Amino acid sequence: MWFKEINEGLLLLIKVVPGASRTEIVGLLGNRLKIKVAAPPEQGKANAMLISFLAELLGLKKSNISVKFGKSSPEKNIVVQVSKSEQKELEKKLLTLA
């Protein structure tokens, strides 16, 4: 599974491909969700675009989403901060993405 519950909310395991022609979900790659982003892998631009994309997709504020691990790597662990009551609804949304 490419996401799991943690104390802060949910942890997403993402494989990012920067420099794509458009930002989109590609599908599952092992235990990670593969996402192409239309931003270069420099100065945090790909990370910023990934966070914006996920926030829009999940209907959350960007401030609720952060890169916990992998800021300079294509394999990223993303923390989505949501309350326990919001987790189940968010998990349903996440299941539709892959």
Protein backbone atom coordinates (compact mmCIF):
# COMPACT_ATOMS: atom_id res chain seq x y z
CA MET A 1 0.00 0.00 0.00
CA TRP A 2 1.38 3.40 -0.95
CA PHE A 3 -0.15 5.24 2.03
CA LYS A 4 -0.62 4.54 5.72
CA GLU A 5 -1.92 6.12 8.89
CA ILE A 6 0.52 7.91 11.16
CA ASN A 7 0.06 10.13 14.23
CA GLU A 8 0.01 13.34 12.18
CA GLY A 9 -2.48 12.00 9.61
CA LEU A 10 -1.37 10.01 6.57
CA LEU A 11 2.01 9.17 5.07
CA LEU A 12 2.12 8.93 1.27
CA LEU A 13 4.90 7.09 -0.54
CA ILE A 14 5.50 8.91 -3.82
CA LYS A 15 7.89 8.47 -6.76
CA VAL A 16 8.26 11.82 -8.55
CA VAL A 17 9.38 12.27 -12.15
CA PRO A 18 10.26 15.96 -12.58
CA GLY A 19 10.53 17.83 -15.87
CA ALA A 20 7.42 16.27 -17.44
CA SER A 21 5.30 18.06 -20.02
CA ARG A 22 2.37 18.07 -17.56
CA THR A 23 1.66 17.16 -13.96
CA GLU A 24 -0.26 13.90 -13.66
CA ILE A 25 -0.56 10.61 -11.82
CA VAL A 26 1.01 7.76 -13.76
CA GLY A 27 0.01 4.86 -11.49
CA LEU A 28 1.62 2.53 -9.01
CA LEU A 29 5.30 1.69 -9.14
CA GLY A 30 5.98 -0.96 -6.53
CA ASN A 31 4.72 0.41 -3.23
CA ARG A 32 4.75 4.06 -4.41
CA LEU A 33 2.39 6.25 -6.40
CA LYS A 34 4.24 7.59 -9.44
CA ILE A 35 3.53 11.23 -10.28
CA LYS A 36 5.00 13.26 -13.13
CA VAL A 37 5.44 16.95 -12.38
CA ALA A 38 5.91 19.77 -14.88
CA ALA A 39 8.68 21.44 -12.92
CA PRO A 40 12.44 20.97 -12.93
CA PRO A 41 14.20 19.18 -10.06
CA GLU A 42 15.97 22.33 -8.89
CA GLN A 43 15.58 24.71 -5.97
CA GLY A 44 12.57 22.79 -4.63
CA LYS A 45 10.41 23.57 -7.67
CA ALA A 46 9.35 19.94 -8.24
CA ASN A 47 8.52 19.54 -4.53
CA ALA A 48 6.44 22.72 -4.55
CA MET A 49 4.53 21.61 -7.63
CA LEU A 50 3.94 18.16 -6.11
CA ILE A 51 2.54 19.71 -2.93
CA SER A 52 0.28 22.07 -4.92
CA PHE A 53 -0.93 19.20 -7.09
CA LEU A 54 -1.71 16.96 -4.11
CA ALA A 55 -3.44 19.79 -2.24
CA GLU A 56 -5.71 20.53 -5.20
CA LEU A 57 -6.38 16.85 -5.85
CA LEU A 58 -7.27 16.13 -2.21
CA GLY A 59 -9.07 19.39 -1.50
CA LEU A 60 -6.63 20.43 1.22
CA LYS A 61 -4.51 23.47 2.00
CA LYS A 62 -0.88 23.29 0.89
CA SER A 63 0.13 23.90 4.50
CA ASN A 64 -1.35 20.49 5.40
CA ILE A 65 1.11 18.70 3.10
CA SER A 66 4.88 18.45 3.53
CA VAL A 67 7.85 16.40 2.37
CA LYS A 68 9.03 14.42 5.38
CA PHE A 69 11.77 12.47 3.59
CA GLY A 70 13.35 12.74 0.15
CA LYS A 71 13.48 16.49 -0.49
CA SER A 72 16.31 15.95 -2.98
CA SER A 73 15.33 12.44 -4.08
CA PRO A 74 12.68 11.20 -6.52
CA GLU A 75 11.36 8.87 -3.81
CA LYS A 76 9.48 10.98 -1.29
CA ASN A 77 7.55 10.38 1.89
CA ILE A 78 4.79 12.97 2.10
CA VAL A 79 2.92 13.79 5.31
CA VAL A 80 -0.69 14.86 4.95
CA GLN A 81 -1.85 16.40 8.21
CA VAL A 82 -5.52 15.62 8.83
CA SER A 83 -7.58 14.85 11.89
CA LYS A 84 -8.53 11.27 12.75
CA SER A 85 -12.09 12.00 11.65
CA GLU A 86 -10.86 13.16 8.21
CA GLN A 87 -8.53 10.21 7.65
CA LYS A 88 -11.11 7.68 6.47
CA GLU A 89 -12.60 10.07 3.91
CA LEU A 90 -9.14 10.96 2.65
CA GLU A 91 -8.20 7.27 2.41
CA LYS A 92 -11.23 6.71 0.16
CA LYS A 93 -10.02 9.52 -2.13
CA LEU A 94 -6.50 8.12 -2.20
CA LEU A 95 -7.74 4.66 -3.20
CA THR A 96 -9.30 6.14 -6.34
CA LEU A 97 -6.00 7.69 -7.49
CA ALA A 98 -3.97 4.54 -8.18
